Each structure stands twice: as C-alpha cells, then as structure tokens.
Amino acid sequence: MMETTLTGMNFDKQFSGYNKSQVDNYIRSLSDAYQTAYDEYLNLRAEHDELRERLVLKERNLIRPDAEPTLGTLGNSEVQARQIIKEAKERAKKIIDGTIEETSRAKQAARSLVEKAEAEAAAARKKARTAIGEAGEVLRINNLAEINADTSHEHVTSALNDVYNAGVPV
C-alpha cells in the first residue's frame, strides 16, 4: 500500500521490479506539488508586480487621490506586500527544494531496489543453471544405469544361451 505523503515512500515489488503504476503515481504527485508551489509563486509574483506598479503610480501622482486614502496606508501596504512576497518566495523555495530532494531520494531508493532485484535475479538464474546442470547429470547417470542394465541383461541372456547350447541342464 502506498503512503500519501511526500516522504517515506514504499513501493510494492513485482517480478520485473517496482510496481510501475505506484512509481508513476508518486512521481506525478511530486510533479503536482511542484506545479502547485510554482503556480503560487507566480501568483504572488504577479501580485507583487501589481503592488509595485501601484506604488510607482502613486509616487508619480498618477493614481487619483480618492483611490488611496493616505500615503501611509500605501506605505504599509507596500511593506505588507514585500513581506508576503518574501514569505511566498521562501515557501516556494522550500517546497521546490523539498520536492527536488525527495525526488532525488526516491530515485536513489528506486536505483537501490533495482540493483537488489537485479542481484536477486542473477542469483536465481545461477541457481536455475545449477539445478539444470544437476538435473542433466542425474539424467546422464540414469541413462548409463539403463545402458548397464541392458548390457548386463544381454550378458546374462548370452551366458544362459551358451550354457543351454553346451547341453548343460539348467
């Protein structure tokens, strides 16, 4: 069963490696989390640009006086906007860095599991070759035993015929 968080993923193993749909779903969830963070960053960036433009217009007296009650309010708004943008950038960076780091860890974990599965497959192939070799040896010994039994039977039959032909009562 897959965990739904971005950390501590577990993938089910299948004969051919990891469960492909689980890995694909996990990578898709990382991609979605990254896209969400990036979209939030873009929205905040647009909001920042708009607030900056409004401030420039206000400073140039291009905004009607009734659009902003006081310059103090605009100054406070700019400070708040800068703080919001700063926090949003920090959050976006943390999310992006976390996503990249988590993707890297998941990729390394997947590599390790693939290497382990390949080693297990190689060991299984070696065991299979050994078992096939042993089975071939058993067949060869059985064939030799049958040949020896047939040869012994022929010798006994020939000896009995020789005794019979020699006129010795059996």
C-alpha atoms as a PDB file:
ATOM      1  CA  MET A   1       0.000   0.000   0.000  1.00  0.00           C
ATOM      2  CA  MET A   2       1.388   3.442  -0.918  1.00  0.00           C
ATOM      3  CA  GLU A   3       1.776   6.235   1.600  1.00  0.00           C
ATOM      4  CA  THR A   4       0.324   9.555   0.534  1.00  0.00           C
ATOM      5  CA  THR A   5       2.981  11.915   1.984  1.00  0.00           C
ATOM      6  CA  LEU A   6       5.957  13.211   0.048  1.00  0.00           C
ATOM      7  CA  THR A   7       8.378  11.397   2.353  1.00  0.00           C
ATOM      8  CA  GLY A   8       8.872   7.767   3.240  1.00  0.00           C
ATOM      9  CA  MET A   9       7.538   6.179   0.034  1.00  0.00           C
ATOM     10  CA  ASN A  10       7.217   2.427  -0.160  1.00  0.00           C
ATOM     11  CA  PHE A  11       6.729   0.670  -3.475  1.00  0.00           C
ATOM     12  CA  ASP A  12       5.494  -2.870  -3.903  1.00  0.00           C
ATOM     13  CA  LYS A  13       7.884  -5.223  -5.696  1.00  0.00           C
ATOM     14  CA  GLN A  14       6.798  -7.190  -8.704  1.00  0.00           C
ATOM     15  CA  PHE A  15       8.586  -9.874 -10.689  1.00  0.00           C
ATOM     16  CA  SER A  16      10.010  -7.288 -13.102  1.00  0.00           C
ATOM     17  CA  GLY A  17      10.920  -4.676 -10.425  1.00  0.00           C
ATOM     18  CA  TYR A  18       8.878  -1.963  -8.749  1.00  0.00           C
ATOM     19  CA  ASN A  19       5.187  -1.556  -9.246  1.00  0.00           C
ATOM     20  CA  LYS A  20       5.301   0.839 -12.209  1.00  0.00           C
ATOM     21  CA  SER A  21       1.927   2.444 -11.506  1.00  0.00           C
ATOM     22  CA  GLN A  22       2.925   3.219  -7.906  1.00  0.00           C
ATOM     23  CA  VAL A  23       6.194   4.828  -9.010  1.00  0.00           C
ATOM     24  CA  ASP A  24       4.381   6.759 -11.761  1.00  0.00           C
ATOM     25  CA  ASN A  25       1.706   7.947  -9.298  1.00  0.00           C
ATOM     26  CA  TYR A  26       4.368   9.033  -6.806  1.00  0.00           C
ATOM     27  CA  ILE A  27       6.319  10.970  -9.413  1.00  0.00           C
ATOM     28  CA  ARG A  28       3.040  12.515 -10.620  1.00  0.00           C
ATOM     29  CA  SER A  29       2.237  13.628  -7.031  1.00  0.00           C
ATOM     30  CA  LEU A  30       5.707  15.194  -6.712  1.00  0.00           C
ATOM     31  CA  SER A  31       5.208  16.949 -10.019  1.00  0.00           C
ATOM     32  CA  ASP A  32       1.758  18.198  -8.922  1.00  0.00           C
ATOM     33  CA  ALA A  33       3.168  19.516  -5.617  1.00  0.00           C
ATOM     34  CA  TYR A  34       5.926  21.289  -7.502  1.00  0.00           C
ATOM     35  CA  GLN A  35       3.447  22.771 -10.001  1.00  0.00           C
ATOM     36  CA  THR A  36       1.186  23.978  -7.160  1.00  0.00           C
ATOM     37  CA  ALA A  37       4.129  25.678  -5.437  1.00  0.00           C
ATOM     38  CA  TYR A  38       5.285  27.202  -8.690  1.00  0.00           C
ATOM     39  CA  ASP A  39       1.786  28.474  -9.533  1.00  0.00           C
ATOM     40  CA  GLU A  40       1.522  30.025  -6.066  1.00  0.00           C
ATOM     41  CA  TYR A  41       4.890  31.675  -6.604  1.00  0.00           C
ATOM     42  CA  LEU A  42       3.756  33.085  -9.976  1.00  0.00           C
ATOM     43  CA  ASN A  43       0.528  34.426  -8.447  1.00  0.00           C
ATOM     44  CA  LEU A  44       2.422  36.102  -5.629  1.00  0.00           C
ATOM     45  CA  ARG A  45       4.941  37.465  -8.097  1.00  0.00           C
ATOM     46  CA  ALA A  46       2.105  38.974 -10.168  1.00  0.00           C
ATOM     47  CA  GLU A  47       0.554  40.451  -7.022  1.00  0.00           C
ATOM     48  CA  HIS A  48       3.931  41.905  -6.071  1.00  0.00           C
ATOM     49  CA  ASP A  49       4.385  43.443  -9.519  1.00  0.00           C
ATOM     50  CA  GLU A  50       0.898  44.951  -9.369  1.00  0.00           C
ATOM     51  CA  LEU A  51       1.508  46.453  -5.917  1.00  0.00           C
ATOM     52  CA  ARG A  52       4.860  47.842  -7.040  1.00  0.00           C
ATOM     53  CA  GLU A  53       3.241  49.389 -10.130  1.00  0.00           C
ATOM     54  CA  ARG A  54       0.553  50.961  -7.979  1.00  0.00           C
ATOM     55  CA  LEU A  55       3.205  52.403  -5.687  1.00  0.00           C
ATOM     56  CA  VAL A  56       5.133  53.865  -8.610  1.00  0.00           C
ATOM     57  CA  LEU A  57       1.937  55.388  -9.993  1.00  0.00           C
ATOM     58  CA  LYS A  58       1.050  56.792  -6.588  1.00  0.00           C
ATOM     59  CA  GLU A  59       4.501  58.317  -6.208  1.00  0.00           C
ATOM     60  CA  ARG A  60       4.123  59.948  -9.621  1.00  0.00           C
ATOM     61  CA  ASN A  61       0.659  61.175  -8.628  1.00  0.00           C
ATOM     62  CA  LEU A  62      -0.902  59.139 -11.404  1.00  0.00           C
ATOM     63  CA  ILE A  63      -3.468  57.484  -9.137  1.00  0.00           C
ATOM     64  CA  ARG A  64      -6.486  59.580  -8.234  1.00  0.00           C
ATOM     65  CA  PRO A  65      -6.311  60.870  -4.678  1.00  0.00           C
ATOM     66  CA  ASP A  66      -9.506  59.018  -3.741  1.00  0.00           C
ATOM     67  CA  ALA A  67      -8.003  55.678  -4.876  1.00  0.00           C
ATOM     68  CA  GLU A  68      -5.779  55.514  -1.796  1.00  0.00           C
ATOM     69  CA  PRO A  69      -6.836  57.318   1.389  1.00  0.00           C
ATOM     70  CA  THR A  70      -3.328  58.146   2.571  1.00  0.00           C
ATOM     71  CA  LEU A  71       0.264  57.652   1.615  1.00  0.00           C
ATOM     72  CA  GLY A  72       0.773  55.971   4.989  1.00  0.00           C
ATOM     73  CA  THR A  73      -1.678  53.246   4.053  1.00  0.00           C
ATOM     74  CA  LEU A  74       0.107  52.749   0.762  1.00  0.00           C
ATOM     75  CA  GLY A  75       3.436  52.557   2.571  1.00  0.00           C
ATOM     76  CA  ASN A  76       2.031  49.976   4.976  1.00  0.00           C
ATOM     77  CA  SER A  77       0.566  48.058   2.053  1.00  0.00           C
ATOM     78  CA  GLU A  78       3.934  48.013   0.337  1.00  0.00           C
ATOM     79  CA  VAL A  79       5.641  46.743   3.486  1.00  0.00           C
ATOM     80  CA  GLN A  80       2.990  44.059   3.846  1.00  0.00           C
ATOM     81  CA  ALA A  81       3.238  43.174   0.158  1.00  0.00           C
ATOM     82  CA  ARG A  82       7.018  42.864   0.402  1.00  0.00           C
ATOM     83  CA  GLN A  83       6.668  40.651   3.463  1.00  0.00           C
ATOM     84  CA  ILE A  84       4.031  38.480   1.755  1.00  0.00           C
ATOM     85  CA  ILE A  85       6.196  38.166  -1.338  1.00  0.00           C
ATOM     86  CA  LYS A  86       9.273  37.345   0.736  1.00  0.00           C
ATOM     87  CA  GLU A  87       7.403  34.666   2.680  1.00  0.00           C
ATOM     88  CA  ALA A  88       5.876  33.258  -0.515  1.00  0.00           C
ATOM     89  CA  LYS A  89       9.281  33.060  -2.171  1.00  0.00           C
ATOM     90  CA  GLU A  90      10.707  31.320   0.887  1.00  0.00           C
ATOM     91  CA  ARG A  91       7.800  28.858   0.962  1.00  0.00           C
ATOM     92  CA  ALA A  92       8.084  28.215  -2.780  1.00  0.00           C
ATOM     93  CA  LYS A  93      11.840  27.668  -2.472  1.00  0.00           C
ATOM     94  CA  LYS A  94      11.343  25.256   0.436  1.00  0.00           C
ATOM     95  CA  ILE A  95       8.681  23.344  -1.477  1.00  0.00           C
ATOM     96  CA  ILE A  96      10.776  23.218  -4.637  1.00  0.00           C
ATOM     97  CA  ASP A  97      13.934  22.238  -2.741  1.00  0.00           C
ATOM     98  CA  GLY A  98      11.990  19.636  -0.776  1.00  0.00           C
ATOM     99  CA  THR A  99      10.465  18.260  -3.951  1.00  0.00           C
ATOM    100  CA  ILE A 100      13.846  18.060  -5.654  1.00  0.00           C
ATOM    101  CA  GLU A 101      15.412  16.442  -2.592  1.00  0.00           C
ATOM    102  CA  GLU A 102      12.530  13.978  -2.198  1.00  0.00           C
ATOM    103  CA  THR A 103      12.669  13.128  -5.892  1.00  0.00           C
ATOM    104  CA  SER A 104      16.395  12.519  -5.587  1.00  0.00           C
ATOM    105  CA  ARG A 105      15.883  10.263  -2.552  1.00  0.00           C
ATOM    106  CA  ALA A 106      13.081   8.368  -4.297  1.00  0.00           C
ATOM    107  CA  LYS A 107      15.251   7.976  -7.386  1.00  0.00           C
ATOM    108  CA  GLN A 108      18.162   6.647  -5.293  1.00  0.00           C
ATOM    109  CA  ALA A 109      15.841   4.286  -3.424  1.00  0.00           C
ATOM    110  CA  ALA A 110      14.474   3.050  -6.739  1.00  0.00           C
ATOM    111  CA  ARG A 111      18.020   2.523  -8.052  1.00  0.00           C
ATOM    112  CA  SER A 112      18.948   0.579  -4.921  1.00  0.00           C
ATOM    113  CA  LEU A 113      15.885  -1.617  -5.225  1.00  0.00           C
ATOM    114  CA  VAL A 114      16.531  -2.197  -8.924  1.00  0.00           C
ATOM    115  CA  GLU A 115      20.142  -3.164  -8.164  1.00  0.00           C
ATOM    116  CA  LYS A 116      18.957  -5.512  -5.426  1.00  0.00           C
ATOM    117  CA  ALA A 117      16.328  -7.037  -7.737  1.00  0.00           C
ATOM    118  CA  GLU A 118      18.946  -7.478 -10.466  1.00  0.00           C
ATOM    119  CA  ALA A 119      21.294  -9.192  -7.994  1.00  0.00           C
ATOM    120  CA  GLU A 120      18.467 -11.463  -6.834  1.00  0.00           C
ATOM    121  CA  ALA A 121      17.595 -12.256 -10.453  1.00  0.00           C
ATOM    122  CA  ALA A 122      21.242 -13.086 -11.215  1.00  0.00           C
ATOM    123  CA  ALA A 123      21.388 -15.370  -8.180  1.00  0.00           C
ATOM    124  CA  ALA A 124      18.135 -17.039  -9.246  1.00  0.00           C
ATOM    125  CA  ARG A 125      19.496 -17.542 -12.781  1.00  0.00           C
ATOM    126  CA  LYS A 126      22.674 -19.074 -11.331  1.00  0.00           C
ATOM    127  CA  LYS A 127      20.628 -21.414  -9.127  1.00  0.00           C
ATOM    128  CA  ALA A 128      18.489 -22.351 -12.111  1.00  0.00           C
ATOM    129  CA  ARG A 129      21.588 -23.105 -14.202  1.00  0.00           C
ATOM    130  CA  THR A 130      22.989 -25.211 -11.344  1.00  0.00           C
ATOM    131  CA  ALA A 131      19.690 -27.066 -10.978  1.00  0.00           C
ATOM    132  CA  ILE A 132      19.532 -27.649 -14.730  1.00  0.00           C
ATOM    133  CA  GLY A 133      23.121 -28.928 -14.669  1.00  0.00           C
ATOM    134  CA  GLU A 134      22.341 -31.231 -11.755  1.00  0.00           C
ATOM    135  CA  ALA A 135      19.205 -32.488 -13.488  1.00  0.00           C
ATOM    136  CA  GLY A 136      21.255 -33.156 -16.623  1.00  0.00           C
ATOM    137  CA  GLU A 137      23.793 -35.110 -14.566  1.00  0.00           C
ATOM    138  CA  VAL A 138      21.013 -37.175 -12.985  1.00  0.00           C
ATOM    139  CA  LEU A 139      19.606 -37.926 -16.457  1.00  0.00           C
ATOM    140  CA  ARG A 140      23.067 -38.898 -17.714  1.00  0.00           C
ATOM    141  CA  ILE A 141      23.552 -41.255 -14.728  1.00  0.00           C
ATOM    142  CA  ASN A 142      20.073 -42.738 -15.276  1.00  0.00           C
ATOM    143  CA  ASN A 143      20.869 -43.308 -18.946  1.00  0.00           C
ATOM    144  CA  LEU A 144      24.179 -45.002 -18.037  1.00  0.00           C
ATOM    145  CA  ALA A 145      22.391 -47.171 -15.474  1.00  0.00           C
ATOM    146  CA  GLU A 146      19.837 -48.235 -18.076  1.00  0.00           C
ATOM    147  CA  ILE A 147      22.598 -48.983 -20.581  1.00  0.00           C
ATOM    148  CA  ASN A 148      24.469 -51.002 -17.937  1.00  0.00           C
ATOM    149  CA  ALA A 149      21.280 -52.846 -17.010  1.00  0.00           C
ATOM    150  CA  ASP A 150      20.595 -53.618 -20.679  1.00  0.00           C
ATOM    151  CA  THR A 151      24.189 -54.748 -21.175  1.00  0.00           C
ATOM    152  CA  SER A 152      24.055 -56.930 -18.054  1.00  0.00           C
ATOM    153  CA  HIS A 153      20.770 -58.430 -19.228  1.00  0.00           C
ATOM    154  CA  GLU A 154      22.336 -59.205 -22.627  1.00  0.00           C
ATOM    155  CA  HIS A 155      25.358 -60.830 -20.944  1.00  0.00           C
ATOM    156  CA  VAL A 156      23.171 -62.960 -18.690  1.00  0.00           C
ATOM    157  CA  THR A 157      20.982 -63.953 -21.643  1.00  0.00           C
ATOM    158  CA  SER A 158      24.065 -64.776 -23.722  1.00  0.00           C
ATOM    159  CA  ALA A 159      25.580 -66.799 -20.861  1.00  0.00           C
ATOM    160  CA  LEU A 160      22.348 -68.752 -20.378  1.00  0.00           C
ATOM    161  CA  ASN A 161      22.207 -69.444 -24.127  1.00  0.00           C
ATOM    162  CA  ASP A 162      25.841 -70.611 -24.046  1.00  0.00           C
ATOM    163  CA  VAL A 163      25.042 -72.919 -21.126  1.00  0.00           C
ATOM    164  CA  TYR A 164      21.914 -74.218 -22.847  1.00  0.00           C
ATOM    165  CA  ASN A 165      23.779 -74.708 -26.166  1.00  0.00           C
ATOM    166  CA  ALA A 166      26.532 -76.553 -24.342  1.00  0.00           C
ATOM    167  CA  GLY A 167      23.945 -79.042 -23.194  1.00  0.00           C
ATOM    168  CA  VAL A 168      24.249 -78.265 -19.530  1.00  0.00           C
ATOM    169  CA  PRO A 169      20.932 -78.723 -17.788  1.00  0.00           C
ATOM    170  CA  VAL A 170      19.677 -75.558 -16.255  1.00  0.00           C
END
